[in-house]
Amino acid sequence: MEGSSRSARATAAAATKQKKKKQKNGRPAVPPRDVVPFDRVRGGISGALRDRLAALGATEPSYLAGKTLMMSDVLKNQARLLFSCKGESLPRCPLTACLTEREERYVWDDEGGLLVTALDRGGRSYDLTCRYLVSNSGYRFITGWKKLVGENGLRQGMRVELWAFRSPQLPNRYETRDGGKKVAVREEIGHPDGSLGMVVLQYDDESDPERGDDELGEVVPVQETGTTGQMKSEAAAPEEKLIASGGAACAEPAVTTEGMVERFEVRIFLAAIGLVMLKRRYNE
């Protein structure tokens, strides 16, 4: 009997774990994205973008990764696009898979990074610097990202997709010349089709039925630390305010002493009040 109970609990736990795994950001998981050819993407490809790719002698762009923009992706003081590789091994990350060995070295180089030319739907060009950020376990595209956001009106909640291509004409590295000026240069990158480039496609909403969930999710930002090195606390919850006030009602009308007693039981509630009062007395 006990063995059967254990087995049932194990089965239920496994089912719960699987359910959580199939969910992301509180939404049910959807099937993997059905990748369409580049010339059939939603919204179409502008003539200016086609001409720009043709002038570069670029390979056909192929889908690389996509995500829904977070607030941190579009803030002016952040000025970066972050793709996380958390939850999977780094070699299996799509962004890692598209890099040559030399490009990987550039990405891990804090001083330089990998120079990646990005094209928007209108064929406009932006010089992005790609680096791997160990603390966030993800790739960051910086430098020209802020300009791309502004000129394309990108905002939180919009969907962006990266489509990778190669061109023998694109630069891939910044070189510091006399006077500290950075100059874009093209070095041998170890790929027969040339340097890595990206087409950045944005969508105003998430209504595309053919699109699956994000392949690469956003990293939850780490809270800033105060001068003592402790995590800065968020605003105290109404329950905490009520206990800290020794049982007095909070400013929020929905929170009352009676409600707290009912929620936490009398003994726990009174014990919390007693501890707060003792702490105040001996701190005076």
C-alpha atoms as a PDB file:
ATOM      1  CA  MET A   1       0.000   0.000   0.000  1.00  0.00           C
ATOM      2  CA  GLU A   2       2.791   2.358   0.954  1.00  0.00           C
ATOM      3  CA  GLY A   3       4.681   1.432  -2.214  1.00  0.00           C
ATOM      4  CA  SER A   4       1.643   2.217  -4.345  1.00  0.00           C
ATOM      5  CA  SER A   5       1.216   5.576  -2.610  1.00  0.00           C
ATOM      6  CA  ARG A   6       4.852   6.428  -3.257  1.00  0.00           C
ATOM      7  CA  SER A   7       4.505   5.445  -6.895  1.00  0.00           C
ATOM      8  CA  ALA A   8       1.383   7.595  -7.293  1.00  0.00           C
ATOM      9  CA  ARG A   9       3.142  10.589  -5.736  1.00  0.00           C
ATOM     10  CA  ALA A  10       6.147  10.091  -8.016  1.00  0.00           C
ATOM     11  CA  THR A  11       3.891   9.912 -11.074  1.00  0.00           C
ATOM     12  CA  ALA A  12       2.050  13.086 -10.040  1.00  0.00           C
ATOM     13  CA  ALA A  13       5.342  14.905  -9.427  1.00  0.00           C
ATOM     14  CA  ALA A  14       6.655  13.857 -12.836  1.00  0.00           C
ATOM     15  CA  ALA A  15       3.459  15.066 -14.511  1.00  0.00           C
ATOM     16  CA  THR A  16       3.703  18.432 -12.731  1.00  0.00           C
ATOM     17  CA  LYS A  17       7.340  18.817 -13.756  1.00  0.00           C
ATOM     18  CA  GLN A  18       6.501  18.017 -17.365  1.00  0.00           C
ATOM     19  CA  LYS A  19       3.636  20.510 -17.322  1.00  0.00           C
ATOM     20  CA  LYS A  20       5.902  23.268 -16.007  1.00  0.00           C
ATOM     21  CA  LYS A  21       8.505  22.410 -18.617  1.00  0.00           C
ATOM     22  CA  LYS A  22       5.908  22.852 -21.348  1.00  0.00           C
ATOM     23  CA  GLN A  23       5.015  26.298 -20.071  1.00  0.00           C
ATOM     24  CA  LYS A  24       6.965  29.527 -20.338  1.00  0.00           C
ATOM     25  CA  ASN A  25       6.244  32.902 -18.827  1.00  0.00           C
ATOM     26  CA  GLY A  26       2.841  31.665 -17.703  1.00  0.00           C
ATOM     27  CA  ARG A  27       1.728  30.769 -21.224  1.00  0.00           C
ATOM     28  CA  PRO A  28       1.136  27.248 -22.594  1.00  0.00           C
ATOM     29  CA  ALA A  29       3.958  26.070 -24.798  1.00  0.00           C
ATOM     30  CA  VAL A  30       3.284  25.935 -28.527  1.00  0.00           C
ATOM     31  CA  PRO A  31       4.759  23.653 -31.188  1.00  0.00           C
ATOM     32  CA  PRO A  32       8.201  24.562 -32.613  1.00  0.00           C
ATOM     33  CA  ARG A  33       8.146  27.344 -35.176  1.00  0.00           C
ATOM     34  CA  ASP A  34       7.520  26.254 -38.769  1.00  0.00           C
ATOM     35  CA  VAL A  35      10.303  28.101 -40.538  1.00  0.00           C
ATOM     36  CA  VAL A  36       9.287  29.459 -43.907  1.00  0.00           C
ATOM     37  CA  PRO A  37      11.700  30.517 -46.670  1.00  0.00           C
ATOM     38  CA  PHE A  38      13.023  34.052 -46.282  1.00  0.00           C
ATOM     39  CA  ASP A  39      11.033  35.370 -49.251  1.00  0.00           C
ATOM     40  CA  ARG A  40       7.776  34.191 -47.645  1.00  0.00           C
ATOM     41  CA  VAL A  41       8.116  35.810 -44.225  1.00  0.00           C
ATOM     42  CA  ARG A  42       5.109  37.616 -42.791  1.00  0.00           C
ATOM     43  CA  GLY A  43       5.031  41.223 -43.974  1.00  0.00           C
ATOM     44  CA  GLY A  44       7.132  40.433 -47.020  1.00  0.00           C
ATOM     45  CA  ILE A  45      10.603  41.600 -48.019  1.00  0.00           C
ATOM     46  CA  SER A  46      11.032  45.143 -49.322  1.00  0.00           C
ATOM     47  CA  GLY A  47      12.722  45.874 -52.600  1.00  0.00           C
ATOM     48  CA  ALA A  48      15.306  48.011 -50.757  1.00  0.00           C
ATOM     49  CA  LEU A  49      16.284  45.068 -48.531  1.00  0.00           C
ATOM     50  CA  ARG A  50      16.525  42.716 -51.517  1.00  0.00           C
ATOM     51  CA  ASP A  51      18.723  45.206 -53.375  1.00  0.00           C
ATOM     52  CA  ARG A  52      20.980  45.651 -50.348  1.00  0.00           C
ATOM     53  CA  LEU A  53      21.470  41.890 -49.953  1.00  0.00           C
ATOM     54  CA  ALA A  54      22.149  41.523 -53.665  1.00  0.00           C
ATOM     55  CA  ALA A  55      24.719  44.336 -53.591  1.00  0.00           C
ATOM     56  CA  LEU A  56      26.515  42.569 -50.740  1.00  0.00           C
ATOM     57  CA  GLY A  57      26.591  39.270 -52.630  1.00  0.00           C
ATOM     58  CA  ALA A  58      24.893  37.793 -49.575  1.00  0.00           C
ATOM     59  CA  THR A  59      23.783  34.239 -49.090  1.00  0.00           C
ATOM     60  CA  GLU A  60      20.061  33.536 -48.638  1.00  0.00           C
ATOM     61  CA  PRO A  61      19.160  34.589 -45.060  1.00  0.00           C
ATOM     62  CA  SER A  62      18.141  31.696 -42.819  1.00  0.00           C
ATOM     63  CA  TYR A  63      16.137  31.850 -39.608  1.00  0.00           C
ATOM     64  CA  LEU A  64      18.344  31.946 -36.521  1.00  0.00           C
ATOM     65  CA  ALA A  65      16.407  33.001 -33.421  1.00  0.00           C
ATOM     66  CA  GLY A  66      13.484  35.095 -32.238  1.00  0.00           C
ATOM     67  CA  LYS A  67      12.078  36.615 -29.076  1.00  0.00           C
ATOM     68  CA  THR A  68       9.460  38.968 -27.710  1.00  0.00           C
ATOM     69  CA  LEU A  69      11.135  42.212 -26.728  1.00  0.00           C
ATOM     70  CA  MET A  70      11.396  42.905 -23.019  1.00  0.00           C
ATOM     71  CA  MET A  71      11.465  46.395 -21.519  1.00  0.00           C
ATOM     72  CA  SER A  72      15.234  46.058 -20.991  1.00  0.00           C
ATOM     73  CA  ASP A  73      15.712  45.445 -24.743  1.00  0.00           C
ATOM     74  CA  VAL A  74      14.285  48.821 -25.709  1.00  0.00           C
ATOM     75  CA  LEU A  75      15.361  51.105 -22.858  1.00  0.00           C
ATOM     76  CA  LYS A  76      17.620  53.908 -24.055  1.00  0.00           C
ATOM     77  CA  ASN A  77      20.000  53.524 -21.122  1.00  0.00           C
ATOM     78  CA  GLN A  78      20.373  49.784 -21.780  1.00  0.00           C
ATOM     79  CA  ALA A  79      20.918  49.955 -25.542  1.00  0.00           C
ATOM     80  CA  ARG A  80      21.290  46.239 -26.092  1.00  0.00           C
ATOM     81  CA  LEU A  81      19.437  43.181 -27.359  1.00  0.00           C
ATOM     82  CA  LEU A  82      19.899  40.130 -25.140  1.00  0.00           C
ATOM     83  CA  PHE A  83      19.462  36.498 -26.162  1.00  0.00           C
ATOM     84  CA  SER A  84      19.823  34.001 -23.354  1.00  0.00           C
ATOM     85  CA  CYS A  85      21.293  30.515 -23.628  1.00  0.00           C
ATOM     86  CA  LYS A  86      20.142  29.488 -20.144  1.00  0.00           C
ATOM     87  CA  GLY A  87      18.463  26.108 -19.972  1.00  0.00           C
ATOM     88  CA  GLU A  88      20.580  24.545 -22.699  1.00  0.00           C
ATOM     89  CA  SER A  89      24.236  23.776 -23.279  1.00  0.00           C
ATOM     90  CA  LEU A  90      26.150  26.601 -24.943  1.00  0.00           C
ATOM     91  CA  PRO A  91      27.222  24.535 -28.010  1.00  0.00           C
ATOM     92  CA  ARG A  92      23.551  23.780 -28.755  1.00  0.00           C
ATOM     93  CA  CYS A  93      22.532  27.438 -28.688  1.00  0.00           C
ATOM     94  CA  PRO A  94      21.547  28.527 -32.239  1.00  0.00           C
ATOM     95  CA  LEU A  95      23.709  31.641 -32.000  1.00  0.00           C
ATOM     96  CA  THR A  96      26.748  29.577 -31.033  1.00  0.00           C
ATOM     97  CA  ALA A  97      26.121  27.092 -33.826  1.00  0.00           C
ATOM     98  CA  CYS A  98      26.308  29.754 -36.533  1.00  0.00           C
ATOM     99  CA  LEU A  99      29.733  31.062 -35.462  1.00  0.00           C
ATOM    100  CA  THR A 100      33.125  29.991 -36.758  1.00  0.00           C
ATOM    101  CA  GLU A 101      35.949  29.297 -34.282  1.00  0.00           C
ATOM    102  CA  ARG A 102      37.467  32.730 -34.874  1.00  0.00           C
ATOM    103  CA  GLU A 103      34.101  34.444 -34.501  1.00  0.00           C
ATOM    104  CA  GLU A 104      33.642  32.641 -31.187  1.00  0.00           C
ATOM    105  CA  ARG A 105      36.971  34.057 -29.985  1.00  0.00           C
ATOM    106  CA  TYR A 106      35.865  37.540 -30.987  1.00  0.00           C
ATOM    107  CA  VAL A 107      32.542  37.149 -29.172  1.00  0.00           C
ATOM    108  CA  TRP A 108      34.342  36.202 -25.956  1.00  0.00           C
ATOM    109  CA  ASP A 109      36.752  39.126 -26.319  1.00  0.00           C
ATOM    110  CA  ASP A 110      35.526  41.821 -23.904  1.00  0.00           C
ATOM    111  CA  GLU A 111      37.575  44.542 -25.550  1.00  0.00           C
ATOM    112  CA  GLY A 112      36.503  44.026 -29.150  1.00  0.00           C
ATOM    113  CA  GLY A 113      33.625  41.669 -29.731  1.00  0.00           C
ATOM    114  CA  LEU A 114      32.340  40.500 -33.104  1.00  0.00           C
ATOM    115  CA  LEU A 115      31.146  43.184 -35.511  1.00  0.00           C
ATOM    116  CA  VAL A 116      27.863  42.096 -37.110  1.00  0.00           C
ATOM    117  CA  THR A 117      26.105  44.178 -39.747  1.00  0.00           C
ATOM    118  CA  ALA A 118      22.337  44.190 -39.236  1.00  0.00           C
ATOM    119  CA  LEU A 119      19.802  45.152 -41.902  1.00  0.00           C
ATOM    120  CA  ASP A 120      16.245  46.220 -41.112  1.00  0.00           C
ATOM    121  CA  ARG A 121      13.164  45.731 -43.278  1.00  0.00           C
ATOM    122  CA  GLY A 122      13.972  48.928 -45.161  1.00  0.00           C
ATOM    123  CA  GLY A 123      17.496  47.780 -46.016  1.00  0.00           C
ATOM    124  CA  ARG A 124      19.134  50.255 -43.643  1.00  0.00           C
ATOM    125  CA  SER A 125      22.413  49.120 -42.129  1.00  0.00           C
ATOM    126  CA  TYR A 126      23.478  49.080 -38.457  1.00  0.00           C
ATOM    127  CA  ASP A 127      26.825  48.046 -37.005  1.00  0.00           C
ATOM    128  CA  LEU A 128      26.142  45.827 -33.988  1.00  0.00           C
ATOM    129  CA  THR A 129      28.771  44.387 -31.680  1.00  0.00           C
ATOM    130  CA  CYS A 130      28.044  40.873 -30.451  1.00  0.00           C
ATOM    131  CA  ARG A 131      29.538  39.687 -27.153  1.00  0.00           C
ATOM    132  CA  TYR A 132      28.899  36.773 -24.838  1.00  0.00           C
ATOM    133  CA  LEU A 133      27.967  37.853 -21.324  1.00  0.00           C
ATOM    134  CA  VAL A 134      28.930  35.158 -18.812  1.00  0.00           C
ATOM    135  CA  SER A 135      26.925  36.668 -15.948  1.00  0.00           C
ATOM    136  CA  ASN A 136      23.710  36.404 -17.990  1.00  0.00           C
ATOM    137  CA  SER A 137      24.635  33.263 -19.944  1.00  0.00           C
ATOM    138  CA  GLY A 138      23.668  34.948 -23.162  1.00  0.00           C
ATOM    139  CA  TYR A 139      24.641  36.967 -26.220  1.00  0.00           C
ATOM    140  CA  ARG A 140      24.311  40.744 -26.299  1.00  0.00           C
ATOM    141  CA  PHE A 141      24.058  42.891 -29.421  1.00  0.00           C
ATOM    142  CA  ILE A 142      25.172  46.422 -28.565  1.00  0.00           C
ATOM    143  CA  THR A 143      26.612  49.576 -30.212  1.00  0.00           C
ATOM    144  CA  GLY A 144      24.141  50.193 -33.060  1.00  0.00           C
ATOM    145  CA  TRP A 145      21.141  48.522 -31.415  1.00  0.00           C
ATOM    146  CA  LYS A 146      19.885  51.779 -29.880  1.00  0.00           C
ATOM    147  CA  LYS A 147      19.754  53.407 -33.310  1.00  0.00           C
ATOM    148  CA  LEU A 148      17.947  50.402 -34.788  1.00  0.00           C
ATOM    149  CA  VAL A 149      15.338  50.566 -32.003  1.00  0.00           C
ATOM    150  CA  GLY A 150      14.732  54.279 -32.563  1.00  0.00           C
ATOM    151  CA  GLU A 151      14.508  54.219 -36.353  1.00  0.00           C
ATOM    152  CA  ASN A 152      12.204  51.185 -36.403  1.00  0.00           C
ATOM    153  CA  GLY A 153       9.990  52.162 -33.462  1.00  0.00           C
ATOM    154  CA  LEU A 154      10.684  48.951 -31.554  1.00  0.00           C
ATOM    155  CA  ARG A 155       8.925  48.625 -28.208  1.00  0.00           C
ATOM    156  CA  GLN A 156       8.222  46.150 -25.449  1.00  0.00           C
ATOM    157  CA  GLY A 157       5.994  43.257 -26.528  1.00  0.00           C
ATOM    158  CA  MET A 158       6.991  43.348 -30.191  1.00  0.00           C
ATOM    159  CA  ARG A 159       8.441  40.236 -31.777  1.00  0.00           C
ATOM    160  CA  VAL A 160      11.883  40.351 -33.421  1.00  0.00           C
ATOM    161  CA  GLU A 161      13.563  37.665 -35.486  1.00  0.00           C
ATOM    162  CA  LEU A 162      17.184  37.330 -36.527  1.00  0.00           C
ATOM    163  CA  TRP A 163      17.898  35.876 -39.970  1.00  0.00           C
ATOM    164  CA  ALA A 164      21.568  35.122 -40.583  1.00  0.00           C
ATOM    165  CA  PHE A 165      23.438  35.528 -43.840  1.00  0.00           C
ATOM    166  CA  ARG A 166      27.053  35.739 -45.010  1.00  0.00           C
ATOM    167  CA  SER A 167      28.797  38.274 -47.221  1.00  0.00           C
ATOM    168  CA  PRO A 168      32.436  38.629 -48.340  1.00  0.00           C
ATOM    169  CA  GLN A 169      32.049  42.423 -48.259  1.00  0.00           C
ATOM    170  CA  LEU A 170      31.087  42.963 -44.623  1.00  0.00           C
ATOM    171  CA  PRO A 171      33.510  43.985 -41.847  1.00  0.00           C
ATOM    172  CA  ASN A 172      33.694  41.733 -38.811  1.00  0.00           C
ATOM    173  CA  ARG A 173      36.012  43.445 -36.374  1.00  0.00           C
ATOM    174  CA  TYR A 174      36.838  46.869 -34.961  1.00  0.00           C
ATOM    175  CA  GLU A 175      40.478  47.888 -35.054  1.00  0.00           C
ATOM    176  CA  THR A 176      41.811  50.674 -32.878  1.00  0.00           C
ATOM    177  CA  ARG A 177      43.963  53.089 -34.862  1.00  0.00           C
ATOM    178  CA  ASP A 178      46.156  55.983 -33.738  1.00  0.00           C
ATOM    179  CA  GLY A 179      44.286  58.350 -31.482  1.00  0.00           C
ATOM    180  CA  GLY A 180      42.048  55.563 -30.163  1.00  0.00           C
ATOM    181  CA  LYS A 181      39.647  55.734 -33.109  1.00  0.00           C
ATOM    182  CA  LYS A 182      37.811  52.494 -33.866  1.00  0.00           C
ATOM    183  CA  VAL A 183      37.717  51.494 -37.512  1.00  0.00           C
ATOM    184  CA  ALA A 184      35.639  48.650 -38.969  1.00  0.00           C
ATOM    185  CA  VAL A 185      37.854  46.145 -40.767  1.00  0.00           C
ATOM    186  CA  ARG A 186      37.369  42.815 -42.527  1.00  0.00           C
ATOM    187  CA  GLU A 187      39.525  39.927 -41.378  1.00  0.00           C
ATOM    188  CA  GLU A 188      39.671  36.305 -42.455  1.00  0.00           C
ATOM    189  CA  ILE A 189      36.894  34.770 -40.390  1.00  0.00           C
ATOM    190  CA  GLY A 190      37.158  31.114 -41.368  1.00  0.00           C
ATOM    191  CA  HIS A 191      34.010  30.858 -43.499  1.00  0.00           C
ATOM    192  CA  PRO A 192      33.981  30.518 -47.307  1.00  0.00           C
ATOM    193  CA  ASP A 193      30.953  32.833 -47.670  1.00  0.00           C
ATOM    194  CA  GLY A 194      32.465  35.670 -45.646  1.00  0.00           C
ATOM    195  CA  SER A 195      31.395  37.638 -42.584  1.00  0.00           C
ATOM    196  CA  LEU A 196      28.233  37.122 -40.566  1.00  0.00           C
ATOM    197  CA  GLY A 197      25.338  39.502 -41.108  1.00  0.00           C
ATOM    198  CA  MET A 198      21.787  39.631 -39.727  1.00  0.00           C
ATOM    199  CA  VAL A 199      18.412  40.720 -41.034  1.00  0.00           C
ATOM    200  CA  VAL A 200      16.269  41.959 -38.141  1.00  0.00           C
ATOM    201  CA  LEU A 201      12.554  41.544 -38.760  1.00  0.00           C
ATOM    202  CA  GLN A 202      10.016  42.984 -36.330  1.00  0.00           C
ATOM    203  CA  TYR A 203       6.317  42.319 -35.888  1.00  0.00           C
ATOM    204  CA  ASP A 204       3.839  44.590 -34.147  1.00  0.00           C
ATOM    205  CA  ASP A 205       2.069  41.767 -32.308  1.00  0.00           C
ATOM    206  CA  GLU A 206       2.269  38.073 -31.499  1.00  0.00           C
ATOM    207  CA  SER A 207      -0.696  36.979 -33.606  1.00  0.00           C
ATOM    208  CA  ASP A 208       1.319  35.001 -36.142  1.00  0.00           C
ATOM    209  CA  PRO A 209      -0.186  31.481 -35.982  1.00  0.00           C
ATOM    210  CA  GLU A 210       2.853  29.970 -37.669  1.00  0.00           C
ATOM    211  CA  ARG A 211       5.254  31.238 -35.056  1.00  0.00           C
ATOM    212  CA  GLY A 212       6.192  29.044 -32.119  1.00  0.00           C
ATOM    213  CA  ASP A 213       7.488  30.063 -28.717  1.00  0.00           C
ATOM    214  CA  ASP A 214      10.787  31.906 -28.323  1.00  0.00           C
ATOM    215  CA  GLU A 215      13.781  29.716 -28.983  1.00  0.00           C
ATOM    216  CA  LEU A 216      15.885  31.961 -26.804  1.00  0.00           C
ATOM    217  CA  GLY A 217      14.217  33.576 -23.819  1.00  0.00           C
ATOM    218  CA  GLU A 218      15.038  36.666 -21.833  1.00  0.00           C
ATOM    219  CA  VAL A 219      17.177  36.532 -18.711  1.00  0.00           C
ATOM    220  CA  VAL A 220      15.480  37.840 -15.600  1.00  0.00           C
ATOM    221  CA  PRO A 221      17.477  40.941 -14.608  1.00  0.00           C
ATOM    222  CA  VAL A 222      19.417  40.711 -11.354  1.00  0.00           C
ATOM    223  CA  GLN A 223      18.321  43.206  -8.709  1.00  0.00           C
ATOM    224  CA  GLU A 224      20.764  45.951  -7.935  1.00  0.00           C
ATOM    225  CA  THR A 225      22.593  45.859  -4.644  1.00  0.00           C
ATOM    226  CA  GLY A 226      22.721  48.627  -2.089  1.00  0.00           C
ATOM    227  CA  THR A 227      25.768  49.912  -0.234  1.00  0.00           C
ATOM    228  CA  THR A 228      25.560  47.077   2.292  1.00  0.00           C
ATOM    229  CA  GLY A 229      25.742  44.452  -0.442  1.00  0.00           C
ATOM    230  CA  GLN A 230      22.246  43.152   0.310  1.00  0.00           C
ATOM    231  CA  MET A 231      19.560  42.882  -2.322  1.00  0.00           C
ATOM    232  CA  LYS A 232      17.391  45.946  -2.568  1.00  0.00           C
ATOM    233  CA  SER A 233      13.923  44.953  -1.369  1.00  0.00           C
ATOM    234  CA  GLU A 234      10.868  45.556  -3.424  1.00  0.00           C
ATOM    235  CA  ALA A 235       8.049  47.600  -1.942  1.00  0.00           C
ATOM    236  CA  ALA A 236       6.742  45.837   1.146  1.00  0.00           C
ATOM    237  CA  ALA A 237       3.605  43.800   0.599  1.00  0.00           C
ATOM    238  CA  PRO A 238       0.458  44.987   2.415  1.00  0.00           C
ATOM    239  CA  GLU A 239       0.690  41.996   4.788  1.00  0.00           C
ATOM    240  CA  GLU A 240       4.262  42.937   5.752  1.00  0.00           C
ATOM    241  CA  LYS A 241       3.224  46.529   6.364  1.00  0.00           C
ATOM    242  CA  LEU A 242       0.404  45.360   8.600  1.00  0.00           C
ATOM    243  CA  ILE A 243       2.631  43.120  10.726  1.00  0.00           C
ATOM    244  CA  ALA A 244       5.381  45.748  10.907  1.00  0.00           C
ATOM    245  CA  SER A 245       2.886  48.286  12.180  1.00  0.00           C
ATOM    246  CA  GLY A 246       2.027  46.063  15.154  1.00  0.00           C
ATOM    247  CA  GLY A 247      -1.386  45.113  13.784  1.00  0.00           C
ATOM    248  CA  ALA A 248      -2.567  48.541  12.677  1.00  0.00           C
ATOM    249  CA  ALA A 249      -4.424  48.622   9.401  1.00  0.00           C
ATOM    250  CA  CYS A 250      -2.382  49.547   6.302  1.00  0.00           C
ATOM    251  CA  ALA A 251      -3.217  52.398   4.018  1.00  0.00           C
ATOM    252  CA  GLU A 252      -4.683  49.886   1.560  1.00  0.00           C
ATOM    253  CA  PRO A 253      -8.383  49.600   2.530  1.00  0.00           C
ATOM    254  CA  ALA A 254      -8.603  45.967   1.390  1.00  0.00           C
ATOM    255  CA  VAL A 255      -6.089  44.787   4.045  1.00  0.00           C
ATOM    256  CA  THR A 256      -7.390  44.584   7.632  1.00  0.00           C
ATOM    257  CA  THR A 257      -6.249  43.080  10.895  1.00  0.00           C
ATOM    258  CA  GLU A 258      -9.167  40.648  10.795  1.00  0.00           C
ATOM    259  CA  GLY A 259      -8.169  39.551   7.316  1.00  0.00           C
ATOM    260  CA  MET A 260      -4.590  38.955   8.445  1.00  0.00           C
ATOM    261  CA  VAL A 261      -5.728  36.915  11.455  1.00  0.00           C
ATOM    262  CA  GLU A 262      -7.913  34.792   9.215  1.00  0.00           C
ATOM    263  CA  ARG A 263      -5.071  34.256   6.748  1.00  0.00           C
ATOM    264  CA  PHE A 264      -2.217  33.492   9.116  1.00  0.00           C
ATOM    265  CA  GLU A 265      -4.084  32.213  12.230  1.00  0.00           C
ATOM    266  CA  VAL A 266      -4.072  33.987  15.607  1.00  0.00           C
ATOM    267  CA  ARG A 267      -0.921  32.480  17.121  1.00  0.00           C
ATOM    268  CA  ILE A 268       1.312  33.165  14.127  1.00  0.00           C
ATOM    269  CA  PHE A 269      -0.071  36.677  13.767  1.00  0.00           C
ATOM    270  CA  LEU A 270       0.427  37.576  17.428  1.00  0.00           C
ATOM    271  CA  ALA A 271       3.917  36.050  17.447  1.00  0.00           C
ATOM    272  CA  ALA A 272       4.891  38.229  14.475  1.00  0.00           C
ATOM    273  CA  ILE A 273       3.582  41.348  16.207  1.00  0.00           C
ATOM    274  CA  GLY A 274       5.442  40.427  19.413  1.00  0.00           C
ATOM    275  CA  LEU A 275       8.741  39.993  17.586  1.00  0.00           C
ATOM    276  CA  VAL A 276       8.363  43.365  15.870  1.00  0.00           C
ATOM    277  CA  MET A 277       7.589  45.104  19.170  1.00  0.00           C
ATOM    278  CA  LEU A 278      10.560  43.466  20.953  1.00  0.00           C
ATOM    279  CA  LYS A 279      12.866  44.468  18.131  1.00  0.00           C
ATOM    280  CA  ARG A 280      11.691  48.079  18.284  1.00  0.00           C
ATOM    281  CA  ARG A 281      12.086  48.207  22.063  1.00  0.00           C
ATOM    282  CA  TYR A 282      15.680  46.952  22.155  1.00  0.00           C
ATOM    283  CA  ASN A 283      16.747  48.981  19.141  1.00  0.00           C
ATOM    284  CA  GLU A 284      15.757  52.226  20.864  1.00  0.00           C
END
